[in-house]
Protein backbone atom coordinates (compact mmCIF):
# COMPACT_ATOMS: atom_id res chain seq x y z
CA MET A 1 25.45 2.43 -27.12
CA LEU A 2 22.30 3.20 -25.13
CA GLY A 3 23.00 4.14 -21.51
CA VAL A 4 21.02 2.37 -18.78
CA TRP A 5 20.75 5.56 -16.74
CA ARG A 6 19.27 7.45 -19.69
CA LEU A 7 16.75 4.65 -20.26
CA GLN A 8 15.69 4.97 -16.63
CA LEU A 9 15.30 8.72 -17.08
CA LEU A 10 13.08 8.10 -20.10
CA ARG A 11 10.99 5.66 -18.09
CA GLU A 12 10.48 8.19 -15.28
CA VAL A 13 9.47 10.96 -17.68
CA GLY A 14 7.02 8.60 -19.37
CA ARG A 15 5.51 7.59 -16.02
CA ARG A 16 5.28 11.07 -14.53
CA GLY A 17 4.44 13.09 -17.63
CA THR A 18 6.82 16.03 -17.12
CA ILE A 19 10.56 16.66 -17.04
CA ARG A 20 10.22 18.51 -13.74
CA ALA A 21 8.33 15.68 -11.99
CA ALA A 22 10.90 13.13 -13.14
CA ALA A 23 13.75 15.38 -12.02
CA GLU A 24 12.21 15.84 -8.56
CA ALA A 25 11.72 12.08 -8.18
CA LEU A 26 15.34 11.41 -9.12
CA SER A 27 16.79 14.36 -7.15
CA ILE A 28 18.46 15.96 -10.17
CA THR A 29 17.82 19.18 -12.08
CA PRO A 30 15.31 19.41 -14.95
CA SER A 31 18.06 20.72 -17.22
CA ALA A 32 20.14 17.59 -16.53
CA VAL A 33 17.17 15.38 -17.42
CA SER A 34 16.58 17.30 -20.66
CA GLN A 35 20.25 17.10 -21.60
CA GLN A 36 20.45 13.35 -21.02
CA LEU A 37 17.26 12.71 -22.97
CA ARG A 38 18.59 14.70 -25.92
CA ILE A 39 21.69 12.49 -25.87
CA LEU A 40 19.46 9.38 -25.70
CA GLU A 41 17.41 10.51 -28.71
CA ALA A 42 20.63 11.12 -30.62
CA GLU A 43 21.84 7.64 -29.71
CA ALA A 44 18.51 6.09 -30.70
CA GLY A 45 18.22 8.10 -33.92
CA VAL A 46 14.45 8.61 -33.45
CA ALA A 47 12.14 10.84 -31.43
CA LEU A 48 11.30 9.31 -28.06
CA LEU A 49 9.09 12.03 -26.55
CA GLN A 50 6.21 14.10 -27.89
CA PRO A 51 4.07 16.98 -26.54
CA ASP A 52 0.75 15.92 -25.02
CA GLY A 53 -1.06 19.08 -23.98
CA ARG A 54 0.88 20.47 -21.03
CA ARG A 55 2.52 17.13 -20.47
CA ILE A 56 4.91 14.88 -22.35
CA SER A 57 4.18 11.37 -23.58
CA LEU A 58 6.30 8.66 -25.15
CA THR A 59 6.36 7.96 -28.85
CA GLU A 60 6.00 4.35 -30.00
CA ALA A 61 9.79 4.11 -30.10
CA GLY A 62 9.97 5.57 -26.60
CA GLN A 63 7.43 3.04 -25.32
CA MET A 64 9.45 0.22 -26.85
CA LEU A 65 12.64 1.45 -25.12
CA VAL A 66 10.83 1.74 -21.78
CA ARG A 67 9.75 -1.90 -22.05
CA HIS A 68 13.41 -2.80 -22.46
CA ALA A 69 14.28 -0.49 -19.55
CA ASP A 70 11.83 -2.40 -17.34
CA ALA A 71 13.50 -5.69 -18.31
CA ILE A 72 16.94 -4.21 -17.65
CA THR A 73 15.84 -2.91 -14.24
CA ALA A 74 14.49 -6.35 -13.34
CA ALA A 75 17.83 -7.90 -14.32
CA ILE A 76 19.68 -5.33 -12.19
CA ASP A 77 17.38 -6.12 -9.26
CA ALA A 78 18.16 -9.81 -9.62
CA ALA A 79 21.90 -9.10 -9.81
CA GLU A 80 21.75 -6.95 -6.68
CA ALA A 81 19.84 -9.72 -4.88
CA ASP A 82 22.46 -12.31 -5.88
CA LEU A 83 25.27 -9.99 -4.79
CA ALA A 84 23.61 -9.26 -1.45
CA ALA A 85 23.10 -13.00 -0.87
CA SER A 86 26.85 -13.52 -1.17
CA ARG A 87 27.58 -11.20 1.76
CA ALA A 88 27.96 -12.57 5.27
CA GLN A 89 25.60 -9.95 6.74
CA ILE A 90 22.46 -8.19 5.56
CA THR A 91 23.33 -4.54 5.02
CA GLY A 92 22.04 -1.47 3.23
CA THR A 93 18.71 0.35 3.34
CA LEU A 94 15.27 -1.23 2.94
CA ARG A 95 12.37 1.08 2.09
CA ILE A 96 8.91 -0.07 3.22
CA ALA A 97 5.47 1.47 2.64
CA ALA A 98 2.39 0.40 4.58
CA PHE A 99 -1.26 1.38 4.93
CA PRO A 100 -1.79 3.41 8.15
CA THR A 101 -3.21 0.77 10.49
CA ALA A 102 -0.46 -1.69 9.52
CA ALA A 103 2.15 1.05 9.93
CA ARG A 104 0.84 1.56 13.46
CA ALA A 105 0.07 -1.99 14.60
CA ILE A 106 2.42 -4.29 12.64
CA LEU A 107 5.51 -2.50 11.38
CA PRO A 108 7.00 -1.15 14.65
CA GLY A 109 7.56 -4.67 15.96
CA VAL A 110 8.81 -5.94 12.60
CA ILE A 111 11.30 -3.08 12.22
CA ALA A 112 12.51 -3.55 15.79
CA GLN A 113 13.03 -7.28 15.17
CA LEU A 114 14.96 -6.57 11.96
CA GLY A 115 17.15 -4.13 13.87
CA GLN A 116 17.99 -6.80 16.42
CA ASP A 117 18.61 -9.56 13.88
CA HIS A 118 20.40 -7.42 11.29
CA PRO A 119 22.00 -4.38 12.98
CA ARG A 120 23.68 -3.21 9.74
CA LEU A 121 20.33 -2.99 7.92
CA THR A 122 18.55 0.38 7.92
CA VAL A 123 14.77 0.26 7.47
CA THR A 124 12.70 3.29 6.49
CA LEU A 125 8.90 3.42 6.63
CA ARG A 126 6.35 5.49 4.69
CA ASP A 127 2.74 5.67 5.86
CA LEU A 128 0.76 5.41 2.59
CA GLU A 129 -2.65 4.21 1.52
CA THR A 130 -2.64 1.10 -0.66
CA ALA A 131 -2.97 2.94 -3.99
CA GLU A 132 -0.16 5.31 -2.99
CA SER A 133 2.04 2.40 -1.91
CA LEU A 134 1.57 0.62 -5.24
CA ALA A 135 2.45 3.80 -7.13
CA ALA A 136 5.61 4.21 -5.03
CA LEU A 137 6.52 0.57 -5.70
CA ARG A 138 6.02 0.94 -9.44
CA LEU A 139 8.28 4.00 -9.41
CA ASP A 140 10.96 2.22 -7.35
CA GLU A 141 10.51 4.66 -4.48
CA VAL A 142 10.04 1.75 -2.05
CA ASP A 143 11.26 -1.86 -2.06
CA LEU A 144 8.11 -3.51 -0.73
CA ALA A 145 4.67 -2.45 0.42
CA LEU A 146 2.11 -3.74 2.87
CA VAL A 147 -1.30 -3.36 1.19
CA ASP A 148 -4.91 -4.33 1.91
CA VAL A 149 -7.87 -5.56 -0.14
CA TYR A 150 -11.48 -5.90 0.99
CA ASP A 151 -13.37 -7.60 -1.83
CA GLU A 152 -13.23 -8.34 -5.53
CA ALA A 153 -13.75 -4.66 -6.36
CA THR A 154 -10.54 -3.73 -4.54
CA TRP A 155 -8.41 -6.64 -5.79
CA ILE A 156 -5.02 -5.58 -7.14
CA VAL A 157 -4.11 -6.50 -10.72
CA GLU A 158 -0.50 -5.50 -11.33
CA PRO A 159 1.38 -7.74 -13.80
CA ALA A 160 4.77 -6.36 -12.68
CA ILE A 161 4.02 -6.74 -8.96
CA GLU A 162 3.83 -9.97 -6.97
CA LEU A 163 1.34 -10.25 -4.11
CA LEU A 164 2.14 -12.46 -1.12
CA GLU A 165 -0.35 -13.33 1.60
CA VAL A 166 0.36 -12.13 5.15
CA GLY A 167 -2.97 -12.84 6.82
CA SER A 168 -6.49 -11.55 7.36
CA ASP A 169 -7.87 -8.72 9.46
CA PRO A 170 -11.53 -9.11 10.50
CA LEU A 171 -13.84 -6.10 10.40
CA TYR A 172 -15.96 -5.23 13.43
CA LEU A 173 -18.99 -3.09 14.12
CA ALA A 174 -18.45 -0.26 16.59
CA ALA A 175 -21.69 1.01 18.10
CA PRO A 176 -22.58 3.31 21.02
CA GLY A 177 -22.95 1.47 24.31
CA GLU A 178 -21.04 -0.68 26.76
CA ALA A 179 -19.15 -3.75 25.64
CA SER A 180 -20.51 -7.10 26.76
CA ILE A 181 -18.85 -10.51 26.65
CA GLY A 182 -22.16 -12.05 25.65
CA ASP A 183 -22.76 -9.79 22.67
CA ARG A 184 -23.78 -11.73 19.58
CA PRO A 185 -22.80 -10.81 16.01
CA THR A 186 -24.79 -7.88 14.62
CA GLN A 187 -26.94 -8.40 11.55
CA LEU A 188 -25.85 -5.84 8.99
CA ALA A 189 -29.43 -5.53 7.72
CA SER A 190 -30.55 -4.34 11.17
CA LEU A 191 -28.57 -1.11 10.70
CA ALA A 192 -30.57 0.20 7.74
CA LYS A 193 -32.00 3.17 9.68
CA THR A 194 -28.94 3.86 11.82
CA PRO A 195 -26.62 6.86 11.18
CA TRP A 196 -23.15 5.84 9.99
CA ILE A 197 -19.66 7.21 10.55
CA MET A 198 -17.45 6.28 7.59
CA ASP A 199 -14.07 6.79 6.01
CA THR A 200 -13.84 9.40 3.25
CA GLU A 201 -15.30 8.84 -0.21
CA GLY A 202 -13.03 6.90 -2.52
CA SER A 203 -11.41 4.87 0.26
CA ASN A 204 -11.32 1.08 -0.12
CA ILE A 205 -13.05 0.38 3.18
CA ARG A 206 -15.89 2.81 2.53
CA GLY A 207 -16.53 1.27 -0.88
CA ALA A 208 -16.52 -2.23 0.63
CA VAL A 209 -18.94 -1.22 3.41
CA VAL A 210 -21.32 0.49 0.98
CA ARG A 211 -21.33 -2.61 -1.24
CA ALA A 212 -21.96 -4.86 1.78
CA CYS A 213 -24.88 -2.67 2.85
CA ALA A 214 -26.32 -2.81 -0.69
CA ARG A 215 -26.18 -6.61 -0.55
CA ALA A 216 -28.04 -6.38 2.78
CA GLY A 217 -30.75 -4.32 1.07
CA PHE A 218 -30.09 -0.72 2.11
CA GLU A 219 -28.00 2.38 1.48
CA PRO A 220 -26.22 3.62 4.63
CA GLN A 221 -27.12 7.06 6.00
CA VAL A 222 -23.67 8.65 6.32
CA ARG A 223 -23.65 11.23 9.09
CA ALA A 224 -19.93 11.99 9.08
CA ALA A 225 -16.90 11.02 7.03
CA CYS A 226 -13.27 11.27 8.11
CA ARG A 227 -9.99 9.51 7.39
CA ASP A 228 -8.68 9.25 10.95
CA TYR A 229 -9.91 6.14 12.80
CA SER A 230 -9.36 7.89 16.14
CA VAL A 231 -11.94 10.49 15.11
CA ILE A 232 -14.34 7.84 13.81
CA ILE A 233 -14.09 5.95 17.12
CA ALA A 234 -14.61 9.18 19.11
CA LEU A 235 -17.77 9.98 17.12
CA VAL A 236 -19.13 6.48 17.77
CA GLU A 237 -18.29 6.78 21.48
CA ALA A 238 -20.23 10.06 21.53
CA GLY A 239 -23.32 8.22 20.29
CA LEU A 240 -23.44 9.81 16.85
CA GLY A 241 -23.57 6.64 14.79
CA VAL A 242 -22.08 3.25 14.04
CA ALA A 243 -18.95 2.36 12.09
CA ILE A 244 -17.27 -0.69 10.61
CA LEU A 245 -13.60 -0.77 11.54
CA PRO A 246 -10.66 -3.09 10.81
CA GLY A 247 -9.34 -5.05 13.76
CA LEU A 248 -5.94 -3.37 13.43
CA ALA A 249 -7.58 0.01 14.03
CA LEU A 250 -8.88 -1.27 17.38
CA GLN A 251 -5.70 -3.00 18.50
CA ASP A 252 -4.14 -1.66 21.73
CA ARG A 253 -6.83 1.01 22.12
CA GLN A 254 -9.19 1.62 25.00
CA ILE A 255 -12.60 1.64 23.29
CA ARG A 256 -15.65 3.04 25.09
CA ALA A 257 -18.09 1.51 22.64
CA ARG A 258 -19.73 -1.83 21.90
CA ILE A 259 -17.58 -3.91 19.51
CA THR A 260 -19.20 -6.92 17.83
CA HIS A 261 -18.68 -9.22 14.87
CA LEU A 262 -20.90 -8.82 11.82
CA THR A 263 -23.32 -11.13 10.05
CA PRO A 264 -22.48 -11.78 7.29
CA PRO A 265 -18.85 -11.51 8.41
CA MET A 266 -16.50 -9.04 6.75
CA THR A 267 -12.72 -9.19 6.56
CA ARG A 268 -9.82 -7.71 4.64
CA ARG A 269 -6.70 -9.43 3.37
CA VAL A 270 -3.27 -8.09 4.23
CA LEU A 271 -0.74 -8.60 1.43
CA ILE A 272 2.89 -7.88 0.68
CA ALA A 273 3.48 -6.26 -2.69
CA VAL A 274 6.96 -6.65 -4.17
CA LYS A 275 8.57 -6.71 -7.59
CA PRO A 276 9.43 -10.33 -8.48
CA GLY A 277 13.07 -9.54 -9.20
CA ARG A 278 13.56 -8.21 -5.67
CA ARG A 279 11.79 -10.95 -3.74
CA SER A 280 14.96 -13.01 -3.23
CA HIS A 281 17.01 -10.08 -1.90
CA PRO A 282 18.13 -11.11 1.63
CA ALA A 283 16.80 -7.92 3.26
CA ILE A 284 13.39 -8.39 1.63
CA ALA A 285 13.34 -12.12 2.40
CA ALA A 286 14.08 -11.36 6.08
CA THR A 287 11.29 -8.77 6.15
CA LEU A 288 8.81 -11.16 4.55
CA ALA A 289 9.63 -13.77 7.20
CA ALA A 290 9.22 -11.22 10.00
CA LEU A 291 5.89 -9.98 8.62
CA ARG A 292 4.50 -13.48 8.19
CA GLY A 293 5.54 -14.30 11.74
CA ARG A 294 3.24 -11.59 13.08
CA HIS A 295 -0.44 -12.36 12.51
CA PRO A 296 -2.15 -9.02 11.92
CA ALA A 297 -5.52 -9.91 13.43
CA PRO A 298 -5.90 -8.51 16.97
CA GLN A 299 -6.09 -11.07 19.75
CA ASN A 300 -7.92 -9.02 22.38
CA ARG A 301 -11.46 -9.09 20.98
CA GLU A 302 -14.14 -11.28 22.49
CA GLU A 303 -15.42 -13.93 20.07
């Protein structure tokens, strides 16, 4: 009879490409993984793994077994959710991943609320970019993830992951100068000859800004690129350029720059990513309710 644990080992090796990477993810030794996979191949009666350069890939039979392993894992998730729902209290550990601005501006309050409402529930948080969070969710390293999308080019298509709406986070222009209550929205096209401070290449927000500038008829002149919004804001405050920033990055900060809306307006969507089989788990359901009860858009910006 095929062992569920060995099927999960096979799935991890197939996802990660090496015995060592799978062993590290599962906190066991590579020799233990190899031994269990040899037993699984003997049980199956066919080869399940094959060399692929310096990596290992699944044979057709291995791919077929992994599809069954995914279905078995989903059934186990559903069983755990039903079992947890039968308990009088929400207990255990809930693992959350979130993109950095959400980890800073949204999750502290949510985790504190969960601690008050469910004192026997332990919540852990990982600060990950959206792509990293989705990878961790696929590999069962986290139970749910807070992710963001900016436009059609950044939309998430994951058949095994359900996306639930939390809210929207408007994007603002940060420019050198003093803030003014009477400031009108800034035309994006008017910034064609202005130096820009942007996130690093490959980031979702940078791609969305570059595409928005292209629609406005120009290519932005990038003067500096950095991942840390605190650095981006400091460079704008020093008069070195303009930047487009999410509202969450500006929340609860003292900004010595002019912050205005954009024309055309830009926004990002904040979503919860979760595997469908886990959505009904009481700890996850409580977290979804807490997240949806906290609108992510900052309330301290002048309209």
